[in-house]
Amino acid sequence: MKRALVTGGNRGIGKAIAAGLRDAGLRVIIGARDPDHGQAAAAELGVEFKRLDVADPTSINEARPWVSHVDVLVNNAGILEDVPLFDDGTNFERSMQVMLQAPYELIRTALPGMKLRGYGRIVNVSSGWGSFAEGLGGGGAYAVAKAGLNALTLRAAQDLPATIKVNAMCPGWVKTRMGGASATRSPEEGAETAIWLATLPDTGPTGGFFRDRQQIDW
């Protein structure tokens, strides 16, 4: 059975992704920083929980032994704060850690096992706000971090064997704590493309940026 890790999987889009991967027959691990919320979500879904705070490099280091065994990695955790780009340096550092540095470290940890087993699927949950083509948006360093995540996706695909597929996706405007009540999509709708990318066949794409299973511009 393939093993999947979904970061930030205790709520919202991440929780919907975890449910979809469970339904696809994968052994799913929810990674979340809050043990109570993470364990509650895992119990509700019938999946596993591991404490993983992607904002904390020490937590990532402690997770390396079990992250090295995952076949599917969904870098979903993110933060969005309504602050000007240059007014809050701590936001910039935190955003880059959560949405770029942590995905890089988790990919690097999972890669040796993926290469050994000859199979890997990496999905980076990005945003249209991280797209140069769509103008870059959002508060604080969100757009910069997501644009960096997109760049990491493309560069990783150029560097990895064909057996390991890495793609980015935009879930759209989703009703979550981040997206707000006015958003137009459910978490399940936002998760659908990530689930598709996480379960791609050997002939599936790599190095792309997708929304609703359609490739979009960087």
Protein backbone atom coordinates (compact mmCIF):
# COMPACT_ATOMS: atom_id res chain seq x y z
CA MET A 1 0.00 0.00 0.00
CA LYS A 2 1.37 3.42 -0.98
CA ARG A 3 1.98 5.83 1.90
CA ALA A 4 0.94 9.47 1.61
CA LEU A 5 1.75 12.49 3.78
CA VAL A 6 -0.47 15.57 3.67
CA THR A 7 0.93 18.55 5.56
CA GLY A 8 -1.65 20.77 7.20
CA GLY A 9 -4.07 17.89 6.78
CA ASN A 10 -6.19 18.51 9.87
CA ARG A 11 -8.61 20.95 8.23
CA GLY A 12 -9.74 22.61 5.02
CA ILE A 13 -8.22 21.60 1.72
CA GLY A 14 -5.63 19.37 3.40
CA LYS A 15 -8.28 17.38 5.20
CA ALA A 16 -10.24 16.96 1.96
CA ILE A 17 -7.07 15.79 0.19
CA ALA A 18 -6.42 13.27 2.97
CA ALA A 19 -9.96 11.93 2.65
CA GLY A 20 -9.64 11.61 -1.11
CA LEU A 21 -6.33 9.77 -0.91
CA ARG A 22 -7.78 7.46 1.73
CA ASP A 23 -10.66 6.69 -0.61
CA ALA A 24 -8.13 6.00 -3.38
CA GLY A 25 -6.64 3.23 -1.24
CA LEU A 26 -3.56 4.95 0.14
CA ARG A 27 -2.27 4.76 3.67
CA VAL A 28 -2.61 8.42 4.67
CA ILE A 29 -0.70 10.37 7.30
CA ILE A 30 -1.92 13.79 8.38
CA GLY A 31 0.93 16.05 9.42
CA ALA A 32 -0.12 18.93 11.69
CA ARG A 33 1.41 21.02 14.44
CA ASP A 34 -1.51 20.78 16.90
CA PRO A 35 -1.77 17.23 18.33
CA ASP A 36 -5.37 17.64 19.52
CA HIS A 37 -6.68 18.92 16.19
CA GLY A 38 -4.52 16.53 14.20
CA GLN A 39 -5.56 13.46 16.16
CA ALA A 40 -9.23 14.46 16.02
CA ALA A 41 -9.11 14.87 12.24
CA ALA A 42 -7.21 11.61 11.80
CA ALA A 43 -9.72 9.73 13.96
CA GLU A 44 -12.63 11.20 12.00
CA LEU A 45 -11.08 10.17 8.67
CA GLY A 46 -9.65 6.84 9.81
CA VAL A 47 -6.09 7.79 8.92
CA GLU A 48 -2.84 8.30 10.85
CA PHE A 49 -1.55 11.42 12.56
CA LYS A 50 2.03 12.56 13.02
CA ARG A 51 3.02 15.81 14.65
CA LEU A 52 4.77 18.00 12.10
CA ASP A 53 5.16 21.75 12.48
CA VAL A 54 6.51 22.97 9.14
CA ALA A 55 7.25 26.37 10.68
CA ASP A 56 9.80 24.71 12.98
CA PRO A 57 12.99 23.26 11.44
CA THR A 58 13.48 21.12 14.56
CA SER A 59 10.09 19.46 14.03
CA ILE A 60 10.99 18.74 10.41
CA ASN A 61 14.28 17.18 11.46
CA GLU A 62 12.52 14.99 14.01
CA ALA A 63 10.10 13.80 11.31
CA ARG A 64 12.78 12.69 8.85
CA PRO A 65 12.79 8.98 9.85
CA TRP A 66 9.12 8.49 8.94
CA VAL A 67 8.94 11.04 6.12
CA SER A 68 11.62 9.01 4.34
CA HIS A 69 9.09 6.19 3.87
CA VAL A 70 6.33 8.13 2.10
CA ASP A 71 5.53 7.48 -1.56
CA VAL A 72 3.23 10.47 -1.99
CA LEU A 73 3.99 13.90 -0.53
CA VAL A 74 1.42 16.69 -0.58
CA ASN A 75 2.90 19.99 0.58
CA ASN A 76 -0.35 21.66 1.53
CA ALA A 77 0.40 23.68 4.69
CA GLY A 78 0.34 27.43 4.18
CA ILE A 79 -0.15 30.78 5.88
CA LEU A 80 -1.64 34.06 4.68
CA GLU A 81 -1.46 37.24 6.73
CA ASP A 82 -2.95 40.59 5.77
CA VAL A 83 0.19 42.68 6.19
CA PRO A 84 2.18 44.81 3.71
CA LEU A 85 5.18 43.05 2.21
CA PHE A 86 7.81 45.31 3.78
CA ASP A 87 6.12 46.10 7.08
CA ASP A 88 6.53 42.75 8.79
CA GLY A 89 9.85 40.97 8.39
CA THR A 90 8.77 38.10 10.61
CA ASN A 91 5.93 37.34 8.18
CA PHE A 92 8.38 37.11 5.30
CA GLU A 93 10.62 34.70 7.16
CA ARG A 94 7.69 32.60 8.39
CA SER A 95 6.04 32.48 4.96
CA MET A 96 9.22 31.37 3.25
CA GLN A 97 9.81 28.71 5.91
CA VAL A 98 6.29 27.24 5.74
CA MET A 99 5.68 27.44 2.00
CA LEU A 100 9.15 27.04 0.46
CA GLN A 101 11.87 25.87 2.84
CA ALA A 102 9.73 23.17 4.49
CA PRO A 103 8.53 21.70 1.16
CA TYR A 104 12.13 21.64 -0.04
CA GLU A 105 13.29 19.81 3.09
CA LEU A 106 10.41 17.33 3.00
CA ILE A 107 11.00 16.59 -0.69
CA ARG A 108 14.70 16.12 -0.05
CA THR A 109 13.92 13.72 2.81
CA ALA A 110 11.41 11.66 0.83
CA LEU A 111 13.44 11.44 -2.39
CA PRO A 112 15.92 8.66 -1.51
CA GLY A 113 13.11 6.25 -0.66
CA MET A 114 11.10 7.25 -3.71
CA LYS A 115 14.10 6.63 -5.94
CA LEU A 116 14.81 3.30 -4.28
CA ARG A 117 11.21 2.13 -4.70
CA GLY A 118 10.97 3.55 -8.23
CA TYR A 119 7.84 5.56 -7.47
CA GLY A 120 7.00 9.01 -6.16
CA ARG A 121 4.29 11.64 -6.45
CA ILE A 122 4.89 15.14 -5.10
CA VAL A 123 2.13 17.74 -5.11
CA ASN A 124 2.84 21.33 -4.11
CA VAL A 125 -0.35 23.18 -3.24
CA SER A 126 0.27 26.62 -4.67
CA SER A 127 -2.04 29.44 -5.75
CA GLY A 128 -2.88 31.71 -8.64
CA TRP A 129 -1.55 34.42 -6.35
CA GLY A 130 1.86 32.83 -6.84
CA SER A 131 1.58 33.07 -10.63
CA PHE A 132 3.41 35.79 -12.55
CA ALA A 133 0.84 35.32 -15.32
CA GLU A 134 -1.98 36.13 -12.90
CA GLY A 135 -0.22 39.09 -11.32
CA LEU A 136 0.90 37.85 -7.86
CA GLY A 137 -1.35 38.69 -4.94
CA GLY A 138 -2.22 38.16 -1.33
CA GLY A 139 -0.92 39.67 1.86
CA GLY A 140 2.61 39.68 3.22
CA ALA A 141 5.07 37.36 1.52
CA TYR A 142 2.40 34.89 0.35
CA ALA A 143 2.88 35.55 -3.37
CA VAL A 144 6.66 35.49 -3.10
CA ALA A 145 6.63 32.18 -1.24
CA LYS A 146 4.14 30.58 -3.64
CA ALA A 147 6.09 31.81 -6.66
CA GLY A 148 9.16 30.24 -5.08
CA LEU A 149 7.24 27.00 -4.57
CA ASN A 150 6.31 27.05 -8.25
CA ALA A 151 9.95 27.53 -9.18
CA LEU A 152 10.94 24.65 -6.90
CA THR A 153 8.33 22.46 -8.61
CA LEU A 154 9.63 23.14 -12.11
CA ARG A 155 13.27 22.81 -11.15
CA ALA A 156 12.65 19.59 -9.21
CA ALA A 157 10.89 18.03 -12.19
CA GLN A 158 13.94 18.80 -14.33
CA ASP A 159 16.19 17.07 -11.81
CA LEU A 160 14.18 13.96 -10.91
CA PRO A 161 13.80 10.60 -12.65
CA ALA A 162 10.64 9.94 -14.66
CA THR A 163 9.34 7.61 -11.95
CA ILE A 164 8.91 10.58 -9.61
CA LYS A 165 6.38 13.17 -10.69
CA VAL A 166 6.23 16.61 -9.13
CA ASN A 167 3.55 19.17 -9.93
CA ALA A 168 2.01 22.32 -8.47
CA MET A 169 -1.68 23.11 -8.32
CA CYS A 170 -4.03 25.97 -7.56
CA PRO A 171 -7.18 24.93 -5.67
CA GLY A 172 -9.05 28.13 -6.48
CA TRP A 173 -10.91 30.28 -3.95
CA VAL A 174 -11.98 27.80 -1.29
CA LYS A 175 -14.20 28.14 1.80
CA THR A 176 -11.55 27.60 4.47
CA ARG A 177 -10.22 29.62 7.37
CA MET A 178 -7.80 31.20 4.89
CA GLY A 179 -10.27 31.62 2.02
CA GLY A 180 -13.15 32.93 4.11
CA ALA A 181 -16.90 32.37 4.01
CA SER A 182 -17.37 34.28 0.73
CA ALA A 183 -15.23 31.83 -1.25
CA THR A 184 -16.86 30.06 -4.17
CA ARG A 185 -15.54 26.51 -3.76
CA SER A 186 -15.84 23.75 -1.19
CA PRO A 187 -12.70 22.11 0.25
CA GLU A 188 -13.59 18.97 -1.72
CA GLU A 189 -13.66 20.94 -4.98
CA GLY A 190 -10.36 22.58 -4.09
CA ALA A 191 -8.78 19.22 -3.29
CA GLU A 192 -9.80 17.38 -6.45
CA THR A 193 -6.83 18.36 -8.63
CA ALA A 194 -4.35 17.61 -5.84
CA ILE A 195 -5.82 14.12 -5.45
CA TRP A 196 -5.54 13.59 -9.21
CA LEU A 197 -1.89 14.68 -9.25
CA ALA A 198 -1.10 12.55 -6.19
CA THR A 199 -2.38 9.43 -7.93
CA LEU A 200 -1.13 10.02 -11.48
CA PRO A 201 -0.38 6.99 -13.65
CA ASP A 202 3.10 6.47 -15.05
CA THR A 203 2.07 8.35 -18.19
CA GLY A 204 0.93 11.42 -16.24
CA PRO A 205 2.49 14.88 -16.44
CA THR A 206 5.34 16.28 -14.39
CA GLY A 207 6.69 19.78 -13.92
CA GLY A 208 3.33 21.47 -14.48
CA PHE A 209 1.03 23.94 -12.76
CA PHE A 210 -2.63 22.89 -12.76
CA ARG A 211 -6.10 24.12 -11.87
CA ASP A 212 -9.13 21.88 -12.43
CA ARG A 213 -6.82 19.33 -14.07
CA GLN A 214 -5.90 21.88 -16.75
CA GLN A 215 -2.40 23.27 -17.06
CA ILE A 216 -2.09 26.99 -16.31
CA ASP A 217 0.71 29.50 -16.80
CA TRP A 218 3.42 30.11 -14.26
